[in-house]
N, C-alpha and C. Protein backbone atom coordinates (compact mmCIF):
# COMPACT_ATOMS: atom_id res chain seq x y z
N MET A 1 -78.57 26.25 -11.93
CA MET A 1 -79.47 25.12 -11.78
C MET A 1 -79.23 24.08 -12.88
N ARG A 2 -79.01 24.55 -14.12
CA ARG A 2 -78.76 23.64 -15.24
C ARG A 2 -77.45 22.86 -15.02
N VAL A 3 -76.45 23.54 -14.54
CA VAL A 3 -75.17 22.90 -14.29
C VAL A 3 -75.33 21.81 -13.21
N LEU A 4 -76.09 22.13 -12.18
CA LEU A 4 -76.34 21.17 -11.12
C LEU A 4 -77.12 19.97 -11.65
N LEU A 5 -78.12 20.22 -12.49
CA LEU A 5 -78.91 19.14 -13.09
C LEU A 5 -78.04 18.29 -14.02
N LEU A 6 -77.19 18.93 -14.79
CA LEU A 6 -76.29 18.21 -15.69
C LEU A 6 -75.31 17.35 -14.88
N ALA A 7 -74.78 17.89 -13.80
CA ALA A 7 -73.86 17.14 -12.93
C ALA A 7 -74.57 15.93 -12.32
N LEU A 8 -75.81 16.11 -11.91
CA LEU A 8 -76.59 15.02 -11.33
C LEU A 8 -76.82 13.92 -12.37
N CYS A 9 -77.19 14.33 -13.59
CA CYS A 9 -77.42 13.34 -14.67
C CYS A 9 -76.14 12.57 -14.98
N LEU A 10 -75.02 13.28 -15.06
CA LEU A 10 -73.75 12.61 -15.35
C LEU A 10 -73.36 11.64 -14.25
N SER A 11 -73.60 12.01 -13.00
CA SER A 11 -73.26 11.11 -11.91
C SER A 11 -74.16 9.87 -11.92
N LEU A 12 -75.43 10.04 -12.27
CA LEU A 12 -76.33 8.90 -12.37
C LEU A 12 -75.93 7.97 -13.51
N LEU A 13 -75.54 8.58 -14.64
CA LEU A 13 -75.11 7.77 -15.78
C LEU A 13 -73.83 7.01 -15.47
N SER A 14 -72.91 7.63 -14.74
CA SER A 14 -71.66 6.95 -14.43
C SER A 14 -71.89 5.80 -13.46
N ALA A 15 -72.95 5.83 -12.72
CA ALA A 15 -73.24 4.77 -11.76
C ALA A 15 -74.23 3.74 -12.30
N CYS A 16 -74.59 3.85 -13.57
CA CYS A 16 -75.61 2.94 -14.11
C CYS A 16 -75.06 1.56 -14.41
N GLY A 17 -73.74 1.42 -14.53
CA GLY A 17 -73.14 0.11 -14.75
C GLY A 17 -73.00 -0.30 -16.19
N TYR A 18 -73.39 0.54 -17.13
CA TYR A 18 -73.32 0.18 -18.54
C TYR A 18 -71.89 -0.19 -18.94
N ASN A 19 -70.95 0.64 -18.54
CA ASN A 19 -69.55 0.36 -18.90
C ASN A 19 -69.05 -0.93 -18.27
N ASP A 20 -69.45 -1.17 -17.03
CA ASP A 20 -69.05 -2.42 -16.38
C ASP A 20 -69.59 -3.63 -17.14
N ILE A 21 -70.82 -3.54 -17.58
CA ILE A 21 -71.42 -4.64 -18.33
C ILE A 21 -70.65 -4.87 -19.63
N GLN A 22 -70.29 -3.79 -20.30
CA GLN A 22 -69.53 -3.92 -21.55
C GLN A 22 -68.15 -4.53 -21.31
N ILE A 23 -67.48 -4.09 -20.27
CA ILE A 23 -66.15 -4.62 -19.93
C ILE A 23 -66.25 -6.10 -19.61
N ASN A 24 -67.23 -6.47 -18.80
CA ASN A 24 -67.39 -7.88 -18.43
C ASN A 24 -67.80 -8.74 -19.63
N ASP A 25 -68.63 -8.19 -20.52
CA ASP A 25 -69.03 -8.92 -21.71
C ASP A 25 -67.82 -9.18 -22.61
N GLU A 26 -66.96 -8.20 -22.75
CA GLU A 26 -65.74 -8.38 -23.56
C GLU A 26 -64.81 -9.40 -22.92
N ALA A 27 -64.74 -9.42 -21.59
CA ALA A 27 -63.92 -10.42 -20.90
C ALA A 27 -64.45 -11.82 -21.16
N VAL A 28 -65.77 -11.97 -21.19
CA VAL A 28 -66.38 -13.27 -21.49
C VAL A 28 -66.01 -13.69 -22.92
N LYS A 29 -66.16 -12.77 -23.86
CA LYS A 29 -65.84 -13.08 -25.26
C LYS A 29 -64.36 -13.47 -25.41
N SER A 30 -63.50 -12.73 -24.75
CA SER A 30 -62.08 -13.00 -24.83
C SER A 30 -61.73 -14.35 -24.22
N SER A 31 -62.28 -14.65 -23.06
CA SER A 31 -61.97 -15.93 -22.42
C SER A 31 -62.57 -17.09 -23.21
N TRP A 32 -63.73 -16.88 -23.82
CA TRP A 32 -64.31 -17.93 -24.67
C TRP A 32 -63.45 -18.16 -25.90
N ALA A 33 -62.92 -17.11 -26.48
CA ALA A 33 -62.03 -17.25 -27.63
C ALA A 33 -60.80 -18.09 -27.26
N GLU A 34 -60.29 -17.92 -26.05
CA GLU A 34 -59.15 -18.71 -25.61
C GLU A 34 -59.52 -20.18 -25.43
N VAL A 35 -60.72 -20.45 -24.93
CA VAL A 35 -61.19 -21.83 -24.82
C VAL A 35 -61.22 -22.45 -26.22
N LEU A 36 -61.80 -21.75 -27.17
CA LEU A 36 -61.87 -22.26 -28.55
C LEU A 36 -60.48 -22.46 -29.13
N ASN A 37 -59.58 -21.54 -28.84
CA ASN A 37 -58.21 -21.63 -29.33
C ASN A 37 -57.55 -22.92 -28.84
N GLN A 38 -57.74 -23.25 -27.57
CA GLN A 38 -57.13 -24.46 -27.02
C GLN A 38 -57.79 -25.72 -27.56
N TYR A 39 -59.11 -25.69 -27.75
CA TYR A 39 -59.78 -26.83 -28.37
C TYR A 39 -59.31 -27.02 -29.81
N LYS A 40 -59.08 -25.94 -30.51
CA LYS A 40 -58.58 -26.01 -31.89
C LYS A 40 -57.18 -26.63 -31.90
N ARG A 41 -56.36 -26.22 -30.95
CA ARG A 41 -55.01 -26.78 -30.85
C ARG A 41 -55.09 -28.29 -30.66
N ARG A 42 -55.98 -28.73 -29.79
CA ARG A 42 -56.14 -30.17 -29.55
C ARG A 42 -56.62 -30.86 -30.82
N ALA A 43 -57.61 -30.28 -31.47
CA ALA A 43 -58.15 -30.89 -32.69
C ALA A 43 -57.07 -30.99 -33.77
N ASP A 44 -56.17 -30.02 -33.82
CA ASP A 44 -55.09 -30.07 -34.80
C ASP A 44 -54.06 -31.15 -34.48
N LEU A 45 -53.87 -31.46 -33.19
CA LEU A 45 -52.91 -32.48 -32.80
C LEU A 45 -53.44 -33.90 -33.05
N VAL A 46 -54.75 -34.08 -32.98
CA VAL A 46 -55.33 -35.42 -33.05
C VAL A 46 -54.96 -36.16 -34.33
N PRO A 47 -55.08 -35.59 -35.53
CA PRO A 47 -54.73 -36.37 -36.72
C PRO A 47 -53.27 -36.85 -36.72
N ASN A 48 -52.36 -36.01 -36.24
CA ASN A 48 -50.96 -36.41 -36.18
C ASN A 48 -50.77 -37.58 -35.21
N LEU A 49 -51.44 -37.50 -34.07
CA LEU A 49 -51.34 -38.57 -33.07
C LEU A 49 -51.92 -39.86 -33.63
N VAL A 50 -53.06 -39.78 -34.25
CA VAL A 50 -53.70 -40.97 -34.83
C VAL A 50 -52.80 -41.60 -35.89
N ASN A 51 -52.19 -40.78 -36.73
CA ASN A 51 -51.32 -41.32 -37.78
C ASN A 51 -50.10 -42.04 -37.21
N VAL A 52 -49.52 -41.51 -36.14
CA VAL A 52 -48.37 -42.17 -35.53
C VAL A 52 -48.80 -43.49 -34.92
N VAL A 53 -49.94 -43.51 -34.24
CA VAL A 53 -50.42 -44.74 -33.61
C VAL A 53 -50.80 -45.79 -34.65
N LYS A 54 -51.36 -45.35 -35.78
CA LYS A 54 -51.80 -46.29 -36.82
C LYS A 54 -50.69 -47.24 -37.24
N GLY A 55 -49.50 -46.71 -37.36
CA GLY A 55 -48.38 -47.54 -37.79
C GLY A 55 -48.04 -48.66 -36.82
N TYR A 56 -48.33 -48.48 -35.57
CA TYR A 56 -47.98 -49.47 -34.55
C TYR A 56 -49.16 -50.34 -34.13
N ALA A 57 -50.35 -49.80 -34.21
CA ALA A 57 -51.52 -50.51 -33.67
C ALA A 57 -52.57 -50.69 -34.74
N GLU A 58 -52.20 -51.31 -35.84
CA GLU A 58 -53.10 -51.46 -36.97
C GLU A 58 -54.38 -52.19 -36.60
N HIS A 59 -54.31 -53.18 -35.70
CA HIS A 59 -55.50 -53.94 -35.35
C HIS A 59 -56.37 -53.24 -34.31
N GLU A 60 -56.02 -52.04 -33.90
CA GLU A 60 -56.83 -51.25 -32.96
C GLU A 60 -57.67 -50.22 -33.73
N LYS A 61 -58.13 -50.61 -34.89
CA LYS A 61 -58.85 -49.68 -35.77
C LYS A 61 -60.08 -49.08 -35.12
N GLU A 62 -60.78 -49.85 -34.30
CA GLU A 62 -62.02 -49.34 -33.69
C GLU A 62 -61.75 -48.08 -32.86
N VAL A 63 -60.69 -48.10 -32.07
CA VAL A 63 -60.36 -46.94 -31.24
C VAL A 63 -59.94 -45.78 -32.12
N LEU A 64 -59.15 -46.06 -33.15
CA LEU A 64 -58.71 -45.00 -34.05
C LEU A 64 -59.90 -44.37 -34.78
N ILE A 65 -60.85 -45.22 -35.16
CA ILE A 65 -62.06 -44.70 -35.82
C ILE A 65 -62.86 -43.83 -34.86
N LYS A 66 -62.98 -44.26 -33.60
CA LYS A 66 -63.72 -43.47 -32.60
C LYS A 66 -63.08 -42.10 -32.40
N VAL A 67 -61.75 -42.07 -32.35
CA VAL A 67 -61.05 -40.79 -32.18
C VAL A 67 -61.32 -39.89 -33.38
N THR A 68 -61.21 -40.47 -34.57
CA THR A 68 -61.45 -39.70 -35.79
C THR A 68 -62.88 -39.20 -35.86
N GLU A 69 -63.85 -40.06 -35.51
CA GLU A 69 -65.26 -39.64 -35.52
C GLU A 69 -65.53 -38.54 -34.48
N ALA A 70 -64.92 -38.68 -33.31
CA ALA A 70 -65.12 -37.66 -32.26
C ALA A 70 -64.54 -36.33 -32.70
N ARG A 71 -63.38 -36.37 -33.36
CA ARG A 71 -62.79 -35.12 -33.85
C ARG A 71 -63.68 -34.51 -34.93
N ALA A 72 -64.24 -35.34 -35.79
CA ALA A 72 -65.13 -34.84 -36.83
C ALA A 72 -66.38 -34.22 -36.21
N SER A 73 -66.89 -34.84 -35.15
CA SER A 73 -68.07 -34.31 -34.46
C SER A 73 -67.77 -32.93 -33.88
N VAL A 74 -66.59 -32.78 -33.28
CA VAL A 74 -66.18 -31.48 -32.74
C VAL A 74 -66.06 -30.47 -33.87
N GLY A 75 -65.48 -30.89 -34.97
CA GLY A 75 -65.29 -29.98 -36.10
C GLY A 75 -66.58 -29.56 -36.78
N SER A 76 -67.63 -30.36 -36.62
CA SER A 76 -68.90 -30.04 -37.27
C SER A 76 -69.68 -28.94 -36.55
N ILE A 77 -69.30 -28.65 -35.31
CA ILE A 77 -70.00 -27.61 -34.55
C ILE A 77 -69.35 -26.27 -34.85
N GLN A 78 -70.15 -25.33 -35.29
CA GLN A 78 -69.66 -24.00 -35.62
C GLN A 78 -69.36 -23.26 -34.31
N ALA A 79 -68.09 -23.19 -33.96
CA ALA A 79 -67.69 -22.55 -32.70
C ALA A 79 -67.51 -21.05 -32.92
N THR A 80 -68.48 -20.30 -32.48
CA THR A 80 -68.45 -18.85 -32.61
C THR A 80 -68.58 -18.23 -31.23
N PRO A 81 -68.27 -16.94 -31.09
CA PRO A 81 -68.46 -16.29 -29.79
C PRO A 81 -69.91 -16.36 -29.31
N GLU A 82 -70.86 -16.41 -30.23
CA GLU A 82 -72.28 -16.46 -29.86
C GLU A 82 -72.63 -17.80 -29.19
N LEU A 83 -71.81 -18.83 -29.44
CA LEU A 83 -72.05 -20.14 -28.84
C LEU A 83 -72.10 -20.04 -27.32
N ALA A 84 -71.31 -19.14 -26.76
CA ALA A 84 -71.26 -18.98 -25.31
C ALA A 84 -72.57 -18.42 -24.75
N ASN A 85 -73.39 -17.82 -25.59
CA ASN A 85 -74.65 -17.24 -25.14
C ASN A 85 -75.84 -18.17 -25.29
N ASP A 86 -75.65 -19.30 -25.96
CA ASP A 86 -76.74 -20.25 -26.23
C ASP A 86 -76.54 -21.51 -25.41
N PRO A 87 -77.33 -21.70 -24.34
CA PRO A 87 -77.11 -22.86 -23.46
C PRO A 87 -77.20 -24.20 -24.18
N GLU A 88 -78.12 -24.34 -25.12
CA GLU A 88 -78.27 -25.62 -25.82
C GLU A 88 -77.08 -25.89 -26.74
N ALA A 89 -76.64 -24.87 -27.47
CA ALA A 89 -75.48 -25.04 -28.35
C ALA A 89 -74.23 -25.29 -27.53
N LEU A 90 -74.11 -24.61 -26.40
CA LEU A 90 -72.96 -24.81 -25.52
C LEU A 90 -72.95 -26.24 -24.99
N ALA A 91 -74.10 -26.77 -24.64
CA ALA A 91 -74.20 -28.16 -24.16
C ALA A 91 -73.79 -29.15 -25.25
N ARG A 92 -74.21 -28.91 -26.50
CA ARG A 92 -73.82 -29.78 -27.62
C ARG A 92 -72.30 -29.73 -27.82
N PHE A 93 -71.75 -28.53 -27.75
CA PHE A 93 -70.32 -28.34 -27.91
C PHE A 93 -69.56 -29.08 -26.81
N GLU A 94 -70.02 -28.93 -25.57
CA GLU A 94 -69.37 -29.60 -24.43
C GLU A 94 -69.45 -31.12 -24.58
N LYS A 95 -70.59 -31.62 -25.07
CA LYS A 95 -70.75 -33.06 -25.25
C LYS A 95 -69.77 -33.58 -26.31
N ALA A 96 -69.64 -32.86 -27.41
CA ALA A 96 -68.71 -33.26 -28.47
C ALA A 96 -67.27 -33.24 -27.96
N GLN A 97 -66.92 -32.21 -27.19
CA GLN A 97 -65.57 -32.14 -26.63
C GLN A 97 -65.34 -33.27 -25.64
N GLY A 98 -66.37 -33.60 -24.85
CA GLY A 98 -66.26 -34.72 -23.92
C GLY A 98 -66.04 -36.04 -24.63
N SER A 99 -66.72 -36.23 -25.75
CA SER A 99 -66.53 -37.46 -26.54
C SER A 99 -65.11 -37.55 -27.07
N LEU A 100 -64.57 -36.44 -27.52
CA LEU A 100 -63.19 -36.43 -28.01
C LEU A 100 -62.23 -36.72 -26.87
N SER A 101 -62.45 -36.13 -25.71
CA SER A 101 -61.58 -36.40 -24.56
C SER A 101 -61.61 -37.88 -24.19
N SER A 102 -62.80 -38.46 -24.20
CA SER A 102 -62.95 -39.88 -23.87
C SER A 102 -62.23 -40.76 -24.89
N ALA A 103 -62.39 -40.46 -26.16
CA ALA A 103 -61.74 -41.24 -27.22
C ALA A 103 -60.23 -41.13 -27.12
N LEU A 104 -59.72 -39.93 -26.81
CA LEU A 104 -58.28 -39.75 -26.67
C LEU A 104 -57.75 -40.52 -25.46
N SER A 105 -58.53 -40.58 -24.40
CA SER A 105 -58.13 -41.35 -23.22
C SER A 105 -57.98 -42.83 -23.57
N ARG A 106 -58.96 -43.36 -24.33
CA ARG A 106 -58.87 -44.76 -24.76
C ARG A 106 -57.65 -44.99 -25.64
N LEU A 107 -57.35 -44.02 -26.50
CA LEU A 107 -56.18 -44.13 -27.37
C LEU A 107 -54.90 -44.17 -26.55
N MET A 108 -54.81 -43.35 -25.52
CA MET A 108 -53.62 -43.34 -24.67
C MET A 108 -53.47 -44.67 -23.91
N VAL A 109 -54.58 -45.24 -23.48
CA VAL A 109 -54.52 -46.52 -22.77
C VAL A 109 -54.02 -47.61 -23.71
N ILE A 110 -54.52 -47.62 -24.94
CA ILE A 110 -54.10 -48.63 -25.91
C ILE A 110 -52.63 -48.46 -26.25
N SER A 111 -52.17 -47.23 -26.31
CA SER A 111 -50.77 -47.00 -26.68
C SER A 111 -49.81 -47.61 -25.66
N GLU A 112 -50.27 -47.79 -24.43
CA GLU A 112 -49.42 -48.40 -23.41
C GLU A 112 -49.12 -49.87 -23.71
N ASN A 113 -49.91 -50.50 -24.57
CA ASN A 113 -49.69 -51.90 -24.94
C ASN A 113 -48.60 -52.06 -26.01
N TYR A 114 -48.06 -50.97 -26.49
CA TYR A 114 -47.10 -51.02 -27.58
C TYR A 114 -45.80 -50.33 -27.16
N PRO A 115 -44.82 -51.13 -26.66
CA PRO A 115 -43.56 -50.53 -26.20
C PRO A 115 -42.83 -49.77 -27.30
N GLN A 116 -42.91 -50.27 -28.54
CA GLN A 116 -42.23 -49.57 -29.63
C GLN A 116 -42.85 -48.19 -29.85
N LEU A 117 -44.17 -48.12 -29.70
CA LEU A 117 -44.86 -46.84 -29.85
C LEU A 117 -44.45 -45.90 -28.74
N GLN A 118 -44.37 -46.42 -27.52
CA GLN A 118 -43.96 -45.58 -26.39
C GLN A 118 -42.55 -45.05 -26.60
N ALA A 119 -41.71 -45.80 -27.30
CA ALA A 119 -40.33 -45.38 -27.53
C ALA A 119 -40.21 -44.42 -28.70
N ASN A 120 -41.25 -44.29 -29.53
CA ASN A 120 -41.21 -43.43 -30.71
C ASN A 120 -41.17 -41.96 -30.29
N ALA A 121 -40.17 -41.24 -30.77
CA ALA A 121 -39.99 -39.84 -30.39
C ALA A 121 -41.17 -38.98 -30.84
N ASN A 122 -41.70 -39.24 -32.04
CA ASN A 122 -42.85 -38.47 -32.52
C ASN A 122 -44.06 -38.67 -31.61
N PHE A 123 -44.29 -39.92 -31.21
CA PHE A 123 -45.42 -40.20 -30.34
C PHE A 123 -45.25 -39.51 -28.99
N ARG A 124 -44.06 -39.63 -28.42
CA ARG A 124 -43.82 -39.00 -27.12
C ARG A 124 -44.01 -37.49 -27.20
N ASP A 125 -43.53 -36.90 -28.29
CA ASP A 125 -43.68 -35.45 -28.46
C ASP A 125 -45.15 -35.06 -28.60
N LEU A 126 -45.89 -35.80 -29.43
CA LEU A 126 -47.31 -35.52 -29.60
C LEU A 126 -48.08 -35.75 -28.31
N GLN A 127 -47.73 -36.81 -27.58
CA GLN A 127 -48.40 -37.09 -26.32
C GLN A 127 -48.15 -35.96 -25.31
N ALA A 128 -46.90 -35.47 -25.25
CA ALA A 128 -46.58 -34.36 -24.34
C ALA A 128 -47.34 -33.10 -24.75
N GLN A 129 -47.41 -32.84 -26.06
CA GLN A 129 -48.16 -31.67 -26.53
C GLN A 129 -49.64 -31.79 -26.19
N LEU A 130 -50.19 -32.98 -26.35
CA LEU A 130 -51.60 -33.20 -26.05
C LEU A 130 -51.86 -33.03 -24.55
N GLU A 131 -50.99 -33.56 -23.71
CA GLU A 131 -51.15 -33.38 -22.27
C GLU A 131 -51.08 -31.90 -21.90
N GLY A 132 -50.12 -31.18 -22.49
CA GLY A 132 -50.02 -29.74 -22.24
C GLY A 132 -51.26 -29.00 -22.70
N THR A 133 -51.79 -29.41 -23.84
CA THR A 133 -52.99 -28.78 -24.37
C THR A 133 -54.18 -29.05 -23.47
N GLU A 134 -54.30 -30.26 -22.95
CA GLU A 134 -55.39 -30.56 -22.02
C GLU A 134 -55.30 -29.66 -20.79
N ASN A 135 -54.08 -29.43 -20.30
CA ASN A 135 -53.91 -28.51 -19.17
C ASN A 135 -54.31 -27.09 -19.55
N ARG A 136 -53.93 -26.67 -20.76
CA ARG A 136 -54.30 -25.33 -21.23
C ARG A 136 -55.81 -25.19 -21.36
N ILE A 137 -56.47 -26.25 -21.82
CA ILE A 137 -57.93 -26.24 -21.93
C ILE A 137 -58.55 -26.04 -20.56
N THR A 138 -58.03 -26.76 -19.58
CA THR A 138 -58.54 -26.63 -18.21
C THR A 138 -58.39 -25.21 -17.70
N VAL A 139 -57.23 -24.62 -17.91
CA VAL A 139 -56.99 -23.24 -17.47
C VAL A 139 -57.91 -22.27 -18.21
N ALA A 140 -58.03 -22.45 -19.53
CA ALA A 140 -58.89 -21.55 -20.32
C ALA A 140 -60.35 -21.67 -19.91
N ARG A 141 -60.81 -22.89 -19.66
CA ARG A 141 -62.19 -23.07 -19.22
C ARG A 141 -62.41 -22.44 -17.85
N ASN A 142 -61.43 -22.56 -16.96
CA ASN A 142 -61.55 -21.95 -15.65
C ASN A 142 -61.65 -20.43 -15.78
N ARG A 143 -60.84 -19.84 -16.65
CA ARG A 143 -60.92 -18.39 -16.86
C ARG A 143 -62.27 -17.99 -17.45
N PHE A 144 -62.78 -18.81 -18.35
CA PHE A 144 -64.09 -18.54 -18.93
C PHE A 144 -65.17 -18.59 -17.85
N ILE A 145 -65.11 -19.60 -17.01
CA ILE A 145 -66.09 -19.72 -15.94
C ILE A 145 -66.03 -18.51 -15.01
N LYS A 146 -64.81 -18.06 -14.68
CA LYS A 146 -64.66 -16.88 -13.81
C LYS A 146 -65.19 -15.62 -14.50
N SER A 147 -64.95 -15.48 -15.80
CA SER A 147 -65.45 -14.28 -16.49
C SER A 147 -66.98 -14.31 -16.59
N ILE A 148 -67.56 -15.49 -16.77
CA ILE A 148 -69.02 -15.62 -16.76
C ILE A 148 -69.56 -15.24 -15.39
N GLU A 149 -68.88 -15.70 -14.35
CA GLU A 149 -69.31 -15.37 -13.00
C GLU A 149 -69.30 -13.85 -12.78
N THR A 150 -68.23 -13.20 -13.18
CA THR A 150 -68.13 -11.75 -13.02
C THR A 150 -69.23 -11.04 -13.80
N TYR A 151 -69.44 -11.47 -15.05
CA TYR A 151 -70.48 -10.87 -15.89
C TYR A 151 -71.86 -11.06 -15.25
N ASN A 152 -72.16 -12.30 -14.85
CA ASN A 152 -73.48 -12.59 -14.29
C ASN A 152 -73.73 -11.84 -12.99
N ILE A 153 -72.71 -11.71 -12.16
CA ILE A 153 -72.86 -10.91 -10.94
C ILE A 153 -73.16 -9.46 -11.32
N GLY A 154 -72.47 -8.97 -12.34
CA GLY A 154 -72.68 -7.58 -12.78
C GLY A 154 -74.09 -7.31 -13.28
N VAL A 155 -74.65 -8.24 -14.03
CA VAL A 155 -75.99 -7.99 -14.59
C VAL A 155 -77.10 -8.35 -13.61
N ARG A 156 -76.75 -8.96 -12.49
CA ARG A 156 -77.78 -9.35 -11.52
C ARG A 156 -77.78 -8.50 -10.25
N THR A 157 -76.78 -7.62 -10.08
CA THR A 157 -76.71 -6.83 -8.86
C THR A 157 -77.06 -5.37 -9.13
N PHE A 158 -77.57 -4.73 -8.11
CA PHE A 158 -78.00 -3.34 -8.19
C PHE A 158 -76.79 -2.42 -8.20
N PRO A 159 -76.74 -1.38 -8.97
CA PRO A 159 -77.71 -0.82 -9.88
C PRO A 159 -77.55 -1.32 -11.31
N ASN A 160 -76.49 -2.13 -11.56
CA ASN A 160 -76.25 -2.62 -12.92
C ASN A 160 -77.42 -3.43 -13.45
N ASN A 161 -78.15 -4.10 -12.56
CA ASN A 161 -79.26 -4.94 -13.04
C ASN A 161 -80.35 -4.10 -13.70
N LEU A 162 -80.50 -2.86 -13.27
CA LEU A 162 -81.49 -1.98 -13.92
C LEU A 162 -81.07 -1.66 -15.34
N THR A 163 -79.80 -1.32 -15.50
CA THR A 163 -79.28 -1.05 -16.85
C THR A 163 -79.36 -2.30 -17.71
N ALA A 164 -78.98 -3.44 -17.13
CA ALA A 164 -79.03 -4.70 -17.88
C ALA A 164 -80.45 -5.01 -18.32
N MET A 165 -81.41 -4.77 -17.45
CA MET A 165 -82.81 -5.05 -17.78
C MET A 165 -83.26 -4.14 -18.93
N VAL A 166 -82.91 -2.87 -18.86
CA VAL A 166 -83.32 -1.91 -19.89
C VAL A 166 -82.64 -2.23 -21.22
N MET A 167 -81.35 -2.64 -21.16
CA MET A 167 -80.58 -2.88 -22.38
C MET A 167 -80.73 -4.32 -22.90
N GLY A 168 -81.41 -5.17 -22.14
CA GLY A 168 -81.64 -6.53 -22.60
C GLY A 168 -80.51 -7.50 -22.31
N TYR A 169 -79.60 -7.18 -21.41
CA TYR A 169 -78.53 -8.10 -21.05
C TYR A 169 -79.05 -9.11 -20.03
N LYS A 170 -78.73 -10.37 -20.27
CA LYS A 170 -79.18 -11.45 -19.39
C LYS A 170 -77.97 -12.23 -18.93
N PRO A 171 -78.10 -12.97 -17.82
CA PRO A 171 -77.00 -13.83 -17.39
C PRO A 171 -76.65 -14.84 -18.49
N LYS A 172 -75.38 -15.18 -18.58
CA LYS A 172 -74.89 -16.12 -19.60
C LYS A 172 -74.72 -17.50 -18.98
N PRO A 173 -74.88 -18.55 -19.79
CA PRO A 173 -74.67 -19.92 -19.27
C PRO A 173 -73.18 -20.18 -19.07
N SER A 174 -72.88 -21.02 -18.13
CA SER A 174 -71.49 -21.41 -17.87
C SER A 174 -71.30 -22.86 -18.26
N PHE A 175 -70.07 -23.34 -18.17
CA PHE A 175 -69.81 -24.75 -18.45
C PHE A 175 -70.57 -25.61 -17.46
N THR A 176 -71.06 -26.71 -17.94
CA THR A 176 -71.70 -27.68 -17.08
C THR A 176 -71.05 -29.03 -17.33
N VAL A 177 -71.29 -29.94 -16.45
CA VAL A 177 -70.76 -31.29 -16.58
C VAL A 177 -71.92 -32.21 -16.91
N GLU A 178 -71.79 -32.95 -17.99
CA GLU A 178 -72.89 -33.80 -18.46
C GLU A 178 -73.20 -34.91 -17.47
N ASN A 179 -72.17 -35.48 -16.88
CA ASN A 179 -72.37 -36.63 -16.00
C ASN A 179 -72.09 -36.26 -14.54
N GLU A 180 -72.72 -35.22 -14.05
CA GLU A 180 -72.47 -34.71 -12.70
C GLU A 180 -72.72 -35.76 -11.63
N ALA A 181 -73.77 -36.56 -11.77
CA ALA A 181 -74.06 -37.59 -10.77
C ALA A 181 -72.94 -38.62 -10.71
N THR A 182 -72.39 -38.96 -11.86
CA THR A 182 -71.32 -39.95 -11.91
C THR A 182 -70.05 -39.44 -11.25
N ILE A 183 -69.68 -38.21 -11.55
CA ILE A 183 -68.43 -37.70 -10.99
C ILE A 183 -68.56 -37.27 -9.54
N SER A 184 -69.77 -37.21 -9.03
CA SER A 184 -69.97 -36.85 -7.62
C SER A 184 -69.57 -37.99 -6.69
N ASN A 185 -69.59 -39.21 -7.20
CA ASN A 185 -69.22 -40.37 -6.39
C ASN A 185 -67.72 -40.62 -6.52
N ALA A 186 -67.10 -40.88 -5.39
CA ALA A 186 -65.66 -41.20 -5.40
C ALA A 186 -65.45 -42.53 -6.12
N PRO A 187 -64.39 -42.61 -6.94
CA PRO A 187 -64.12 -43.88 -7.63
C PRO A 187 -63.70 -44.96 -6.63
N ALA A 188 -64.10 -46.19 -6.93
CA ALA A 188 -63.70 -47.32 -6.08
C ALA A 188 -62.31 -47.78 -6.50
N VAL A 189 -61.42 -47.85 -5.55
CA VAL A 189 -60.05 -48.30 -5.81
C VAL A 189 -59.83 -49.61 -5.06
N ASP A 190 -59.42 -50.65 -5.79
CA ASP A 190 -59.22 -51.96 -5.20
C ASP A 190 -57.84 -52.47 -5.61
N PHE A 191 -56.95 -52.58 -4.62
CA PHE A 191 -55.61 -53.08 -4.90
C PHE A 191 -55.49 -54.57 -4.55
N GLY A 192 -56.64 -55.21 -4.39
CA GLY A 192 -56.65 -56.63 -4.07
C GLY A 192 -56.12 -57.45 -5.22
N SER A 193 -55.69 -58.67 -4.91
CA SER A 193 -55.13 -59.52 -5.97
C SER A 193 -56.26 -60.09 -6.83
N LYS A 194 -55.93 -60.33 -8.09
CA LYS A 194 -56.92 -60.90 -9.02
C LYS A 194 -57.06 -62.37 -8.74
N LYS A 195 -58.28 -62.89 -8.83
CA LYS A 195 -58.51 -64.31 -8.55
C LYS A 195 -58.74 -65.06 -9.81
């Protein structure tokens, strides 16, 4: 009878989902670390890019200052694994990263006005690295979103939800878009002639 009771307890414990929750939680932490890694890579490239552009576009100081300020804003946020568990901190982090992305976009547009800059090998190399890093950020964020989805499904579905409730595990926040209403509308494209 004891052996049967022990076997029953072990089978119930193996089906409680605790291990699944731990595995999914580690996947979230790992994917978040990769997101931070790619953002760090971008932040490290920005000063080099700004310095190369400075030599060619001295009178574009406002854009260069905005890029530098946006990078400083990103750097001021303590990016830790716990950030992924705090919706408000995650929103601040996303906003700072969005500001840096916007400032870098303006910098790239301005650089098109300087043919000598476009011909500079250092600039082209840094621009290619930055574009590659932006792609890596997108991939890393997508993996993070998928790992959050897997984790949240795990802690919200039966029988894992019982274990999650007892152990205090809650669904984690995912990436959000600050300007969702704006990006929901298709951009207007007009190839008409200028008057």
